[in-house]
């Protein structure tokens, strides 16, 4: 006799099966009409090629803008 017991038979499912909804038959296609509605063609998107930075040293940048220096010195005088 084996050391294991047979699995008990599963009871029948008590959940009711909801039937698939029945769709009314679709009318036959009209051969005079196209299968799809033509849509306007979108404009093709052209890839943007990356622009390489110029070779050499970058131009010098100002350390401070004159607009930021002007009001600051006036406040310091008060």
Foldseek 3Di string as FASTA:
>chain_A
DDPDDDDDDDDDDPDDDDDDDDDDDDDDDDPVDDPDDDDDDDDDDDDDDDDDDDPDDDDDDDPDDPVVVVVVVVVVVD
